[in-house]
């Protein structure tokens, strides 16, 4: 028991979720006394409303939006569902498009909340087109241009991939969509707070962000909706958020999100420089010490905190468990798909084999990551891979999930 308590703990799964920033925690503690319903007209309600609107201004400013363009929601998944399901409206009155605009174009590497919602829409009779990606995980804009037709209402492509970190050219994609008469949405949950995001420069119509990916609380997200866009709420039954999202506002969560945004403004640039160095250390250290590996994702257009690597002859789940025994937390892919034994849909879309996809892990660093922790990973991981490969060789097979 004593040995377990003294075990070193290294958290490298920040793309799954982040710890609360100390400043966020303190801000939320102070706000706990403000319990009024923001919709109430009395003093208690007005105090809560003032905090919510102050937070809205901070979130909007961070992505160069207007406060009235920000809708607070329960999560990034809710925001993504909201956007896609608007285009299932039978009358077509909920968007700028007519009832003829009943098709959606998205990519093969989107988050499960986009892909599952797209499948649901497809089951309801809506046409959904899936854009391919190249071996680095970049979508093919020319394919998007080819797939859009007069019935296409929406193009939805994530800004940065949660598994391999590849960053897309959203500005170019939006230009293509708008030239063809379609609206453009980007799931920027993994990008906001890691790279600069300017909704006016990108010219997106909808953008999704989430609190718990940027050291804020879970259970809070925001959806940007361009002023000129008509809107159809996913959750109805109340006048909150100007009738765009029913349900009493999560005041504490909203305050936490705003404080997290505030801290990102202060820390993001310095953090990116530090994590760039650590990413290079990881890539070089692993490549020098471990043969037969492949780094996944784009070599340059990628989040600086994310390293996705495949190890031939080793199973990702086994690597994860052995690392966990050493106190190191990583992932084998998206946290939202961690209950599945199927290989990563993102890696398969890049063209790698199912076997190699099964032998992949994702290391995602954060604001608390230190050089000593990176060196600790470089000390432990090569030994683990060697151990797993030795066992596999002794068994005469490569372990693969079925």
Protein backbone atom coordinates (compact mmCIF):
# COMPACT_ATOMS: atom_id res chain seq x y z
CA UNK A 1 0.00 0.00 0.00
CA UNK A 2 2.84 2.39 0.89
CA UNK A 3 4.50 1.75 -2.48
CA UNK A 4 1.24 2.50 -4.29
CA UNK A 5 0.78 5.76 -2.39
CA UNK A 6 4.30 6.85 -3.36
CA UNK A 7 3.82 5.99 -7.04
CA UNK A 8 4.58 8.86 -9.38
CA UNK A 9 1.52 10.27 -11.13
CA UNK A 10 1.83 11.80 -14.60
CA UNK A 11 -1.32 12.96 -16.35
CA UNK A 12 -0.97 13.01 -20.15
CA UNK A 13 -4.59 12.73 -21.26
CA UNK A 14 -5.53 16.40 -21.53
CA UNK A 15 -7.45 15.92 -24.79
CA UNK A 16 -9.89 13.77 -22.82
CA UNK A 17 -10.32 16.32 -20.04
CA UNK A 18 -8.27 18.83 -18.09
CA UNK A 19 -7.98 19.51 -14.35
CA UNK A 20 -9.65 22.65 -13.05
CA UNK A 21 -7.33 25.63 -13.19
CA UNK A 22 -6.68 26.86 -9.61
CA UNK A 23 -7.96 30.32 -10.57
CA UNK A 24 -11.14 28.75 -12.00
CA UNK A 25 -11.69 26.80 -8.81
CA UNK A 26 -11.34 29.93 -6.68
CA UNK A 27 -13.67 31.93 -8.95
CA UNK A 28 -16.33 29.24 -8.73
CA UNK A 29 -16.00 29.03 -4.96
CA UNK A 30 -16.64 32.77 -4.67
CA UNK A 31 -19.65 32.51 -6.96
CA UNK A 32 -21.31 29.73 -4.95
CA UNK A 33 -23.15 32.27 -2.85
CA UNK A 34 -24.85 33.67 -5.96
CA UNK A 35 -27.66 31.12 -6.10
CA UNK A 36 -30.44 33.13 -7.72
CA UNK A 37 -32.09 32.10 -10.97
CA UNK A 38 -30.69 34.38 -13.71
CA UNK A 39 -34.21 34.66 -15.15
CA UNK A 40 -35.69 36.06 -11.93
CA UNK A 41 -36.29 39.81 -11.76
CA UNK A 42 -35.49 40.28 -8.09
CA UNK A 43 -32.08 41.19 -6.68
CA UNK A 44 -30.91 37.59 -6.31
CA UNK A 45 -31.73 36.85 -9.94
CA UNK A 46 -30.20 40.09 -11.18
CA UNK A 47 -26.93 39.28 -9.41
CA UNK A 48 -26.74 35.93 -11.19
CA UNK A 49 -27.74 37.47 -14.52
CA UNK A 50 -24.94 40.05 -14.25
CA UNK A 51 -22.37 37.27 -13.81
CA UNK A 52 -23.76 35.27 -16.74
CA UNK A 53 -23.68 38.26 -19.07
CA UNK A 54 -20.18 39.24 -17.97
CA UNK A 55 -19.08 35.68 -18.77
CA UNK A 56 -20.79 35.85 -22.16
CA UNK A 57 -18.76 38.93 -23.05
CA UNK A 58 -15.50 37.22 -22.05
CA UNK A 59 -16.21 34.10 -24.10
CA UNK A 60 -17.29 36.18 -27.10
CA UNK A 61 -14.23 38.42 -26.95
CA UNK A 62 -11.88 35.43 -26.91
CA UNK A 63 -13.08 34.24 -30.34
CA UNK A 64 -13.81 37.74 -31.72
CA UNK A 65 -17.60 37.32 -31.59
CA UNK A 66 -20.39 39.53 -30.25
CA UNK A 67 -21.96 38.54 -26.90
CA UNK A 68 -25.37 38.00 -28.54
CA UNK A 69 -23.75 35.38 -30.80
CA UNK A 70 -22.87 33.14 -27.82
CA UNK A 71 -25.30 30.50 -26.52
CA UNK A 72 -24.37 28.63 -23.34
CA UNK A 73 -25.07 24.89 -23.55
CA UNK A 74 -24.38 21.79 -21.47
CA UNK A 75 -21.46 20.43 -23.51
CA UNK A 76 -19.68 20.44 -26.82
CA UNK A 77 -21.69 17.39 -27.81
CA UNK A 78 -24.94 19.25 -27.19
CA UNK A 79 -23.76 22.17 -29.30
CA UNK A 80 -22.78 19.86 -32.17
CA UNK A 81 -26.10 18.02 -31.99
CA UNK A 82 -27.94 21.34 -31.99
CA UNK A 83 -26.32 22.49 -35.22
CA UNK A 84 -26.73 19.26 -37.16
CA UNK A 85 -30.29 18.59 -36.04
CA UNK A 86 -31.41 22.04 -37.20
CA UNK A 87 -31.08 20.73 -40.72
CA UNK A 88 -33.57 17.95 -40.02
CA UNK A 89 -36.40 20.48 -39.63
CA UNK A 90 -39.10 19.26 -42.06
CA UNK A 91 -40.21 22.78 -43.01
CA UNK A 92 -36.72 24.20 -43.41
CA UNK A 93 -37.90 27.38 -41.62
CA UNK A 94 -35.30 27.04 -38.88
CA UNK A 95 -32.37 27.91 -41.12
CA UNK A 96 -31.64 30.33 -43.91
CA UNK A 97 -32.28 27.54 -46.35
CA UNK A 98 -35.43 26.19 -47.92
CA UNK A 99 -36.78 22.72 -47.32
CA UNK A 100 -34.69 21.63 -50.31
CA UNK A 101 -31.44 22.11 -48.35
CA UNK A 102 -31.53 18.68 -46.77
CA UNK A 103 -27.99 17.41 -47.16
CA UNK A 104 -24.93 17.60 -44.90
CA UNK A 105 -21.24 17.18 -45.69
CA UNK A 106 -18.84 16.25 -42.90
CA UNK A 107 -15.52 14.41 -42.56
CA UNK A 108 -14.63 10.81 -41.79
CA UNK A 109 -12.58 11.79 -38.71
CA UNK A 110 -15.11 13.85 -36.75
CA UNK A 111 -15.86 13.34 -33.06
CA UNK A 112 -18.42 10.57 -32.38
CA UNK A 113 -21.08 13.14 -31.46
CA UNK A 114 -20.95 14.43 -35.04
CA UNK A 115 -20.72 11.01 -36.68
CA UNK A 116 -23.49 9.44 -34.59
CA UNK A 117 -25.80 12.41 -35.16
CA UNK A 118 -25.02 12.26 -38.88
CA UNK A 119 -25.92 8.57 -38.88
CA UNK A 120 -29.19 9.39 -37.11
CA UNK A 121 -29.99 11.97 -39.77
CA UNK A 122 -29.11 9.49 -42.48
CA UNK A 123 -31.49 6.96 -40.90
CA UNK A 124 -34.19 9.64 -41.09
CA UNK A 125 -33.65 9.98 -44.82
CA UNK A 126 -31.24 12.90 -44.97
CA UNK A 127 -28.27 12.57 -47.31
CA UNK A 128 -24.89 12.77 -45.53
CA UNK A 129 -21.59 12.91 -47.41
CA UNK A 130 -18.28 12.03 -45.76
CA UNK A 131 -15.09 13.68 -46.95
CA UNK A 132 -11.91 11.58 -46.98
CA UNK A 133 -8.63 12.59 -45.37
CA UNK A 134 -5.06 12.14 -46.55
CA UNK A 135 -2.52 10.00 -44.62
CA UNK A 136 -1.80 12.97 -42.32
CA UNK A 137 -5.46 13.42 -41.44
CA UNK A 138 -6.07 16.50 -43.61
CA UNK A 139 -9.48 16.73 -45.26
CA UNK A 140 -9.50 17.23 -49.01
CA UNK A 141 -11.10 20.66 -49.74
CA UNK A 142 -11.45 19.83 -53.42
CA UNK A 143 -13.57 16.83 -52.46
CA UNK A 144 -15.79 19.07 -50.32
CA UNK A 145 -16.24 21.38 -53.30
CA UNK A 146 -17.19 18.41 -55.48
CA UNK A 147 -19.66 17.00 -52.92
CA UNK A 148 -21.64 20.20 -52.30
CA UNK A 149 -24.73 20.64 -54.45
CA UNK A 150 -27.86 22.79 -54.42
CA UNK A 151 -29.38 20.58 -51.69
CA UNK A 152 -26.42 20.90 -49.31
CA UNK A 153 -27.33 22.95 -46.26
CA UNK A 154 -24.29 22.48 -44.03
CA UNK A 155 -20.59 21.59 -44.12
CA UNK A 156 -19.24 20.52 -40.71
CA UNK A 157 -15.50 19.92 -40.22
CA UNK A 158 -13.64 19.97 -36.91
CA UNK A 159 -10.85 22.52 -36.45
CA UNK A 160 -8.40 20.14 -34.75
CA UNK A 161 -8.70 16.40 -34.36
CA UNK A 162 -8.91 15.08 -30.81
CA UNK A 163 -6.91 11.90 -31.53
CA UNK A 164 -4.09 12.90 -33.89
CA UNK A 165 -4.12 16.68 -33.44
CA UNK A 166 -4.26 17.55 -37.16
CA UNK A 167 -5.48 21.12 -37.78
CA UNK A 168 -7.74 21.79 -40.77
CA UNK A 169 -7.91 24.86 -43.02
CA UNK A 170 -11.35 25.92 -41.81
CA UNK A 171 -11.16 29.31 -43.52
CA UNK A 172 -10.73 27.69 -46.92
CA UNK A 173 -13.47 25.15 -46.19
CA UNK A 174 -15.88 27.94 -45.18
CA UNK A 175 -15.07 29.87 -48.36
CA UNK A 176 -15.89 26.79 -50.45
CA UNK A 177 -19.13 26.18 -48.55
CA UNK A 178 -20.29 29.78 -48.85
CA UNK A 179 -19.40 29.98 -52.53
CA UNK A 180 -21.66 26.97 -53.04
CA UNK A 181 -24.46 28.43 -50.91
CA UNK A 182 -24.03 26.21 -47.83
CA UNK A 183 -23.46 27.14 -44.18
CA UNK A 184 -20.30 26.11 -42.32
CA UNK A 185 -19.85 24.69 -38.81
CA UNK A 186 -16.65 23.75 -37.02
CA UNK A 187 -16.25 21.70 -33.86
CA UNK A 188 -13.44 23.68 -32.25
CA UNK A 189 -13.54 21.93 -28.87
CA UNK A 190 -9.90 20.77 -29.15
CA UNK A 191 -8.70 24.00 -30.75
CA UNK A 192 -10.10 26.82 -28.61
CA UNK A 193 -7.54 27.72 -25.97
CA UNK A 194 -4.70 25.96 -27.80
CA UNK A 195 -4.50 27.96 -31.03
CA UNK A 196 -5.89 31.43 -31.87
CA UNK A 197 -9.50 31.29 -33.06
CA UNK A 198 -11.19 34.25 -34.78
CA UNK A 199 -14.71 33.51 -36.00
CA UNK A 200 -14.77 36.59 -38.23
CA UNK A 201 -11.53 35.67 -39.95
CA UNK A 202 -12.65 32.04 -40.39
CA UNK A 203 -16.10 33.26 -41.47
CA UNK A 204 -17.78 30.28 -39.78
CA UNK A 205 -21.53 30.29 -39.22
CA UNK A 206 -21.41 28.00 -36.17
CA UNK A 207 -18.57 27.11 -33.79
CA UNK A 208 -18.51 24.77 -30.80
CA UNK A 209 -16.34 25.02 -27.67
CA UNK A 210 -16.27 23.25 -24.31
CA UNK A 211 -15.21 24.17 -20.78
CA UNK A 212 -13.52 21.01 -19.56
CA UNK A 213 -10.96 20.96 -22.38
CA UNK A 214 -9.50 24.31 -21.27
CA UNK A 215 -9.21 23.80 -17.49
CA UNK A 216 -12.81 24.79 -16.84
CA UNK A 217 -15.63 22.71 -15.35
CA UNK A 218 -17.42 19.83 -17.01
CA UNK A 219 -21.06 20.24 -18.03
CA UNK A 220 -20.68 23.60 -19.75
CA UNK A 221 -20.00 24.57 -23.35
CA UNK A 222 -20.84 27.33 -25.77
CA UNK A 223 -22.13 27.57 -29.30
CA UNK A 224 -21.30 30.52 -31.53
CA UNK A 225 -24.03 31.36 -34.02
CA UNK A 226 -23.40 34.16 -36.54
CA UNK A 227 -25.87 37.03 -36.17
CA UNK A 228 -27.44 36.62 -39.58
CA UNK A 229 -28.27 32.93 -39.10
CA UNK A 230 -31.77 31.81 -38.16
CA UNK A 231 -31.80 29.34 -35.30
CA UNK A 232 -33.77 26.29 -34.17
CA UNK A 233 -33.30 25.22 -30.51
CA UNK A 234 -32.56 21.62 -29.66
CA UNK A 235 -33.93 21.98 -26.11
CA UNK A 236 -37.27 23.74 -25.88
CA UNK A 237 -39.56 24.84 -23.08
CA UNK A 238 -38.05 28.04 -21.74
CA UNK A 239 -36.99 31.52 -22.73
CA UNK A 240 -33.40 31.19 -21.51
CA UNK A 241 -30.57 32.18 -23.86
CA UNK A 242 -33.04 34.35 -25.79
CA UNK A 243 -35.19 31.31 -26.45
CA UNK A 244 -32.35 29.39 -28.06
CA UNK A 245 -31.63 26.90 -25.27
CA UNK A 246 -34.23 26.13 -22.61
CA UNK A 247 -33.22 25.26 -19.07
CA UNK A 248 -32.04 27.33 -16.12
CA UNK A 249 -28.53 28.54 -16.86
CA UNK A 250 -25.67 26.72 -15.17
CA UNK A 251 -24.41 29.87 -13.49
CA UNK A 252 -21.43 28.27 -11.74
CA UNK A 253 -20.38 26.42 -14.89
CA UNK A 254 -20.69 29.56 -16.99
CA UNK A 255 -18.57 31.53 -14.52
CA UNK A 256 -15.99 28.74 -14.52
CA UNK A 257 -15.89 28.68 -18.31
CA UNK A 258 -15.35 32.44 -18.48
CA UNK A 259 -12.51 32.30 -15.95
CA UNK A 260 -10.92 29.44 -17.87
CA UNK A 261 -11.09 31.57 -21.02
CA UNK A 262 -9.54 34.48 -19.15
CA UNK A 263 -6.65 32.28 -18.03
CA UNK A 264 -6.17 30.93 -21.55
CA UNK A 265 -5.68 34.50 -22.75
CA UNK A 266 -2.86 34.86 -20.24
CA UNK A 267 -1.19 31.45 -20.54
CA UNK A 268 -1.85 30.09 -24.03
CA UNK A 269 1.11 31.56 -25.94
CA UNK A 270 3.79 30.68 -23.36
CA UNK A 271 2.30 27.23 -22.91
CA UNK A 272 2.40 26.54 -26.65
CA UNK A 273 6.11 27.35 -26.78
CA UNK A 274 6.85 25.03 -23.86
CA UNK A 275 4.74 22.17 -25.21
CA UNK A 276 6.32 22.49 -28.65
CA UNK A 277 9.66 21.70 -27.01
CA UNK A 278 8.17 18.74 -25.12
CA UNK A 279 6.52 17.36 -28.27
CA UNK A 280 9.85 17.42 -30.08
CA UNK A 281 11.48 15.70 -27.09
CA UNK A 282 8.85 12.97 -27.14
CA UNK A 283 9.02 12.35 -30.87
CA UNK A 284 12.82 12.26 -30.97
CA UNK A 285 13.16 10.23 -27.78
CA UNK A 286 10.67 7.59 -28.85
CA UNK A 287 12.05 7.38 -32.41
CA UNK A 288 15.63 7.02 -31.13
CA UNK A 289 14.81 4.31 -28.58
CA UNK A 290 12.02 2.26 -30.15
CA UNK A 291 12.16 0.68 -33.63
CA UNK A 292 9.13 0.05 -35.86
CA UNK A 293 6.95 2.96 -34.79
CA UNK A 294 4.87 5.46 -36.73
CA UNK A 295 3.77 8.93 -35.68
CA UNK A 296 0.23 9.74 -36.75
CA UNK A 297 -1.15 13.12 -37.74
CA UNK A 298 0.27 16.04 -39.66
CA UNK A 299 3.97 16.77 -38.94
CA UNK A 300 3.46 20.56 -38.74
CA UNK A 301 -0.26 21.46 -38.92
CA UNK A 302 -0.99 19.81 -35.60
CA UNK A 303 -1.75 20.69 -31.99
CA UNK A 304 1.52 21.10 -30.10
CA UNK A 305 0.20 19.18 -27.10
CA UNK A 306 -0.70 15.99 -29.00
CA UNK A 307 1.46 13.00 -29.94
CA UNK A 308 -0.23 9.96 -31.47
CA UNK A 309 2.09 7.03 -32.12
CA UNK A 310 1.67 3.43 -33.31
CA UNK A 311 3.93 0.61 -32.12
CA UNK A 312 4.14 -2.49 -34.30
CA UNK A 313 3.82 -5.71 -32.30
CA UNK A 314 2.19 -4.06 -29.28
CA UNK A 315 -1.46 -3.52 -28.38
CA UNK A 316 -2.59 -0.05 -27.34
CA UNK A 317 -4.67 -1.26 -24.40
CA UNK A 318 -1.70 -3.25 -23.07
CA UNK A 319 0.58 -0.22 -23.41
CA UNK A 320 -1.97 1.95 -21.59
CA UNK A 321 -2.30 -0.52 -18.70
CA UNK A 322 1.45 -0.95 -18.26
CA UNK A 323 1.93 2.82 -18.31
CA UNK A 324 -0.83 3.17 -15.74
CA UNK A 325 1.07 0.78 -13.45
CA UNK A 326 3.93 3.27 -13.66
CA UNK A 327 1.56 6.15 -12.82
CA UNK A 328 1.39 7.50 -16.38
CA UNK A 329 -2.06 8.26 -17.81
CA UNK A 330 -2.45 8.28 -21.60
CA UNK A 331 -5.22 7.25 -23.99
CA UNK A 332 -5.75 4.92 -26.92
CA UNK A 333 -7.96 7.47 -28.69
CA UNK A 334 -11.12 9.46 -28.05
CA UNK A 335 -12.40 9.29 -24.47
CA UNK A 336 -15.94 9.16 -25.85
CA UNK A 337 -15.11 5.91 -27.63
CA UNK A 338 -12.98 4.31 -24.91
CA UNK A 339 -15.57 1.63 -24.22
CA UNK A 340 -15.16 0.27 -27.74
CA UNK A 341 -12.64 -2.39 -28.76
CA UNK A 342 -12.83 -1.29 -32.39
CA UNK A 343 -9.73 0.36 -33.86
CA UNK A 344 -9.79 4.16 -34.08
CA UNK A 345 -11.98 5.39 -36.92
CA UNK A 346 -9.64 8.36 -37.23
CA UNK A 347 -6.55 6.24 -37.78
CA UNK A 348 -8.35 3.90 -40.16
CA UNK A 349 -9.48 6.93 -42.18
CA UNK A 350 -5.83 7.93 -42.64
CA UNK A 351 -5.21 4.57 -44.32
CA UNK A 352 -3.24 2.67 -41.70
CA UNK A 353 -4.06 -0.97 -41.03
CA UNK A 354 -6.40 -2.10 -38.27
CA UNK A 355 -3.48 -3.92 -36.64
CA UNK A 356 -1.34 -0.80 -36.51
CA UNK A 357 -4.31 1.28 -35.31
CA UNK A 358 -4.74 -1.17 -32.43
CA UNK A 359 -1.13 -0.54 -31.43
CA UNK A 360 -1.56 3.23 -31.03
CA UNK A 361 -1.63 5.53 -28.03
CA UNK A 362 -2.32 9.23 -27.67
CA UNK A 363 -0.17 11.37 -25.40
CA UNK A 364 -1.78 14.77 -24.80
CA UNK A 365 0.09 17.27 -22.66
CA UNK A 366 -1.19 20.28 -20.74
CA UNK A 367 -0.36 23.34 -18.66
CA UNK A 368 0.97 21.23 -15.77
CA UNK A 369 3.22 18.99 -17.87
CA UNK A 370 6.91 19.24 -16.97
CA UNK A 371 10.15 18.29 -18.67
CA UNK A 372 10.79 15.80 -15.86
CA UNK A 373 7.52 14.07 -16.70
CA UNK A 374 8.46 13.80 -20.37
CA UNK A 375 11.80 12.28 -19.39
CA UNK A 376 9.97 9.84 -17.11
CA UNK A 377 7.80 8.71 -20.03
CA UNK A 378 10.90 8.31 -22.21
CA UNK A 379 12.45 6.18 -19.45
CA UNK A 380 9.44 3.89 -18.96
CA UNK A 381 7.72 3.57 -22.36
CA UNK A 382 10.60 1.95 -24.33
CA UNK A 383 10.92 -0.75 -21.63
CA UNK A 384 7.17 -1.37 -21.76
CA UNK A 385 7.14 -1.73 -25.55
CA UNK A 386 10.09 -4.09 -25.40
CA UNK A 387 8.35 -6.18 -22.73
CA UNK A 388 5.10 -6.42 -24.69
CA UNK A 389 6.92 -7.30 -27.91
CA UNK A 390 8.97 -9.94 -26.12
CA UNK A 391 5.84 -11.56 -24.73
CA UNK A 392 4.20 -11.38 -28.14
CA UNK A 393 7.24 -12.99 -29.75
CA UNK A 394 7.25 -15.75 -27.14
CA UNK A 395 3.58 -16.44 -27.95
CA UNK A 396 4.36 -16.39 -31.64
CA UNK A 397 1.77 -13.74 -32.44
CA UNK A 398 0.97 -10.05 -32.31
CA UNK A 399 -1.77 -9.28 -29.76
CA UNK A 400 -4.80 -7.79 -31.51
CA UNK A 401 -8.19 -6.95 -30.09
CA UNK A 402 -11.15 -8.86 -31.49
